[in-house]
C-alpha atoms as a PDB file:
ATOM      1  CA  MET A   1     106.093 182.176 -21.374  1.00  0.00           C
ATOM      2  CA  PRO A   2     109.807 181.753 -20.673  1.00  0.00           C
ATOM      3  CA  VAL A   3     110.535 180.166 -17.312  1.00  0.00           C
ATOM      4  CA  VAL A   4     113.688 181.708 -15.857  1.00  0.00           C
ATOM      5  CA  PHE A   5     113.968 179.255 -12.946  1.00  0.00           C
ATOM      6  CA  ARG A   6     112.029 177.241 -10.390  1.00  0.00           C
ATOM      7  CA  ASP A   7     112.626 177.345  -6.658  1.00  0.00           C
ATOM      8  CA  ALA A   8     110.801 175.384  -3.941  1.00  0.00           C
ATOM      9  CA  GLY A   9     107.919 174.635  -6.316  1.00  0.00           C
ATOM     10  CA  TYR A  10     107.518 178.267  -7.421  1.00  0.00           C
ATOM     11  CA  ARG A  11     107.820 179.118 -11.124  1.00  0.00           C
ATOM     12  CA  PHE A  12     109.610 182.405 -11.887  1.00  0.00           C
ATOM     13  CA  HIS A  13     108.751 183.520 -15.417  1.00  0.00           C
ATOM     14  CA  PHE A  14     107.735 186.360 -17.685  1.00  0.00           C
ATOM     15  CA  PHE A  15     105.486 186.600 -20.711  1.00  0.00           C
ATOM     16  CA  SER A  16     106.707 187.041 -24.274  1.00  0.00           C
ATOM     17  CA  ASN A  17     104.099 189.769 -24.810  1.00  0.00           C
ATOM     18  CA  GLU A  18     104.858 192.208 -21.996  1.00  0.00           C
ATOM     19  CA  GLY A  19     102.845 195.164 -23.253  1.00  0.00           C
ATOM     20  CA  ASP A  20     103.220 197.773 -25.953  1.00  0.00           C
ATOM     21  CA  PRO A  21     105.327 199.603 -25.097  1.00  0.00           C
ATOM     22  CA  ARG A  22     107.043 196.805 -23.181  1.00  0.00           C
ATOM     23  CA  GLU A  23     106.884 197.086 -19.409  1.00  0.00           C
ATOM     24  CA  PRO A  24     110.122 197.496 -17.441  1.00  0.00           C
ATOM     25  CA  VAL A  25     112.003 194.389 -16.311  1.00  0.00           C
ATOM     26  CA  HIS A  26     109.926 192.289 -13.905  1.00  0.00           C
ATOM     27  CA  ILE A  27     109.194 188.687 -13.024  1.00  0.00           C
ATOM     28  CA  HIS A  28     105.989 186.765 -12.417  1.00  0.00           C
ATOM     29  CA  VAL A  29     105.837 184.019  -9.795  1.00  0.00           C
ATOM     30  CA  THR A  30     103.189 181.300  -9.699  1.00  0.00           C
ATOM     31  CA  ARG A  31     102.388 178.291  -7.571  1.00  0.00           C
ATOM     32  CA  ASP A  32      99.168 176.401  -6.894  1.00  0.00           C
ATOM     33  CA  GLY A  33      97.021 178.965  -8.698  1.00  0.00           C
ATOM     34  CA  LEU A  34      98.542 181.917  -6.819  1.00  0.00           C
ATOM     35  CA  ASP A  35     100.398 184.657  -8.659  1.00  0.00           C
ATOM     36  CA  ALA A  36     102.575 187.689  -8.008  1.00  0.00           C
ATOM     37  CA  LYS A  37     104.510 190.158 -10.112  1.00  0.00           C
ATOM     38  CA  LEU A  38     107.699 191.808  -8.894  1.00  0.00           C
ATOM     39  CA  TRP A  39     109.465 194.850 -10.321  1.00  0.00           C
ATOM     40  CA  LEU A  40     113.265 194.634 -10.335  1.00  0.00           C
ATOM     41  CA  TYR A  41     113.954 198.388 -10.404  1.00  0.00           C
ATOM     42  CA  PRO A  42     114.535 200.788  -8.826  1.00  0.00           C
ATOM     43  CA  GLU A  43     114.383 198.156  -6.086  1.00  0.00           C
ATOM     44  CA  VAL A  44     112.750 194.751  -5.929  1.00  0.00           C
ATOM     45  CA  GLU A  45     109.132 195.197  -4.884  1.00  0.00           C
ATOM     46  CA  ILE A  46     105.818 193.495  -5.393  1.00  0.00           C
ATOM     47  CA  ALA A  47     103.759 195.071  -8.175  1.00  0.00           C
ATOM     48  CA  TYR A  48     100.761 192.870  -7.394  1.00  0.00           C
ATOM     49  CA  ASN A  49      99.996 189.822  -5.323  1.00  0.00           C
ATOM     50  CA  SER A  50      97.134 187.389  -5.730  1.00  0.00           C
ATOM     51  CA  GLY A  51      97.117 185.103  -2.731  1.00  0.00           C
ATOM     52  CA  PHE A  52     100.632 184.823  -1.310  1.00  0.00           C
ATOM     53  CA  ASN A  53     100.827 185.543   2.415  1.00  0.00           C
ATOM     54  CA  ALA A  54     103.229 188.113   3.890  1.00  0.00           C
ATOM     55  CA  ARG A  55     105.886 185.520   4.785  1.00  0.00           C
ATOM     56  CA  ILE A  56     105.962 184.146   1.221  1.00  0.00           C
ATOM     57  CA  GLN A  57     106.015 187.671  -0.214  1.00  0.00           C
ATOM     58  CA  ARG A  58     109.129 188.463   1.847  1.00  0.00           C
ATOM     59  CA  TRP A  59     110.712 185.207   0.664  1.00  0.00           C
ATOM     60  CA  LEU A  60     109.873 185.997  -2.990  1.00  0.00           C
ATOM     61  CA  ILE A  61     111.500 189.419  -2.664  1.00  0.00           C
ATOM     62  CA  ALA A  62     114.631 187.828  -1.172  1.00  0.00           C
ATOM     63  CA  VAL A  63     114.839 185.228  -3.956  1.00  0.00           C
ATOM     64  CA  VAL A  64     114.401 187.845  -6.679  1.00  0.00           C
ATOM     65  CA  GLU A  65     116.987 190.125  -5.054  1.00  0.00           C
ATOM     66  CA  ALA A  66     119.474 187.245  -4.907  1.00  0.00           C
ATOM     67  CA  ARG A  67     118.862 186.281  -8.548  1.00  0.00           C
ATOM     68  CA  LYS A  68     118.195 189.742  -9.971  1.00  0.00           C
ATOM     69  CA  GLN A  69     121.044 189.608 -12.487  1.00  0.00           C
ATOM     70  CA  GLU A  70     119.978 186.176 -13.743  1.00  0.00           C
ATOM     71  CA  ILE A  71     116.426 187.445 -14.265  1.00  0.00           C
ATOM     72  CA  GLU A  72     117.595 190.583 -16.052  1.00  0.00           C
ATOM     73  CA  ASP A  73     119.954 188.584 -18.280  1.00  0.00           C
ATOM     74  CA  ALA A  74     117.144 186.196 -19.255  1.00  0.00           C
ATOM     75  CA  TRP A  75     114.846 189.159 -19.987  1.00  0.00           C
ATOM     76  CA  ASN A  76     117.461 190.882 -22.156  1.00  0.00           C
ATOM     77  CA  ASP A  77     118.322 187.665 -24.004  1.00  0.00           C
ATOM     78  CA  HIS A  78     114.659 186.972 -24.725  1.00  0.00           C
ATOM     79  CA  PHE A  79     113.754 190.466 -25.912  1.00  0.00           C
ATOM     80  CA  ALA A  80     117.017 191.176 -27.808  1.00  0.00           C
END
């Protein structure tokens, strides 16, 4: 599971096996046993959330929006 980056104790990553056919570009975020998945397109949004409160969800969206290109580049490099 490639880790793209860490921020404030949160791990932003994706899985090497992202479905068949492969799912669109997204990122998983984990911390302390909690997990969320965010789609990057057409806009950054939470696909699912398992435990993060609304404030953290808004923060996760902001982080992913700010680093969207970095995430997409890592995804494309990994799956190329």
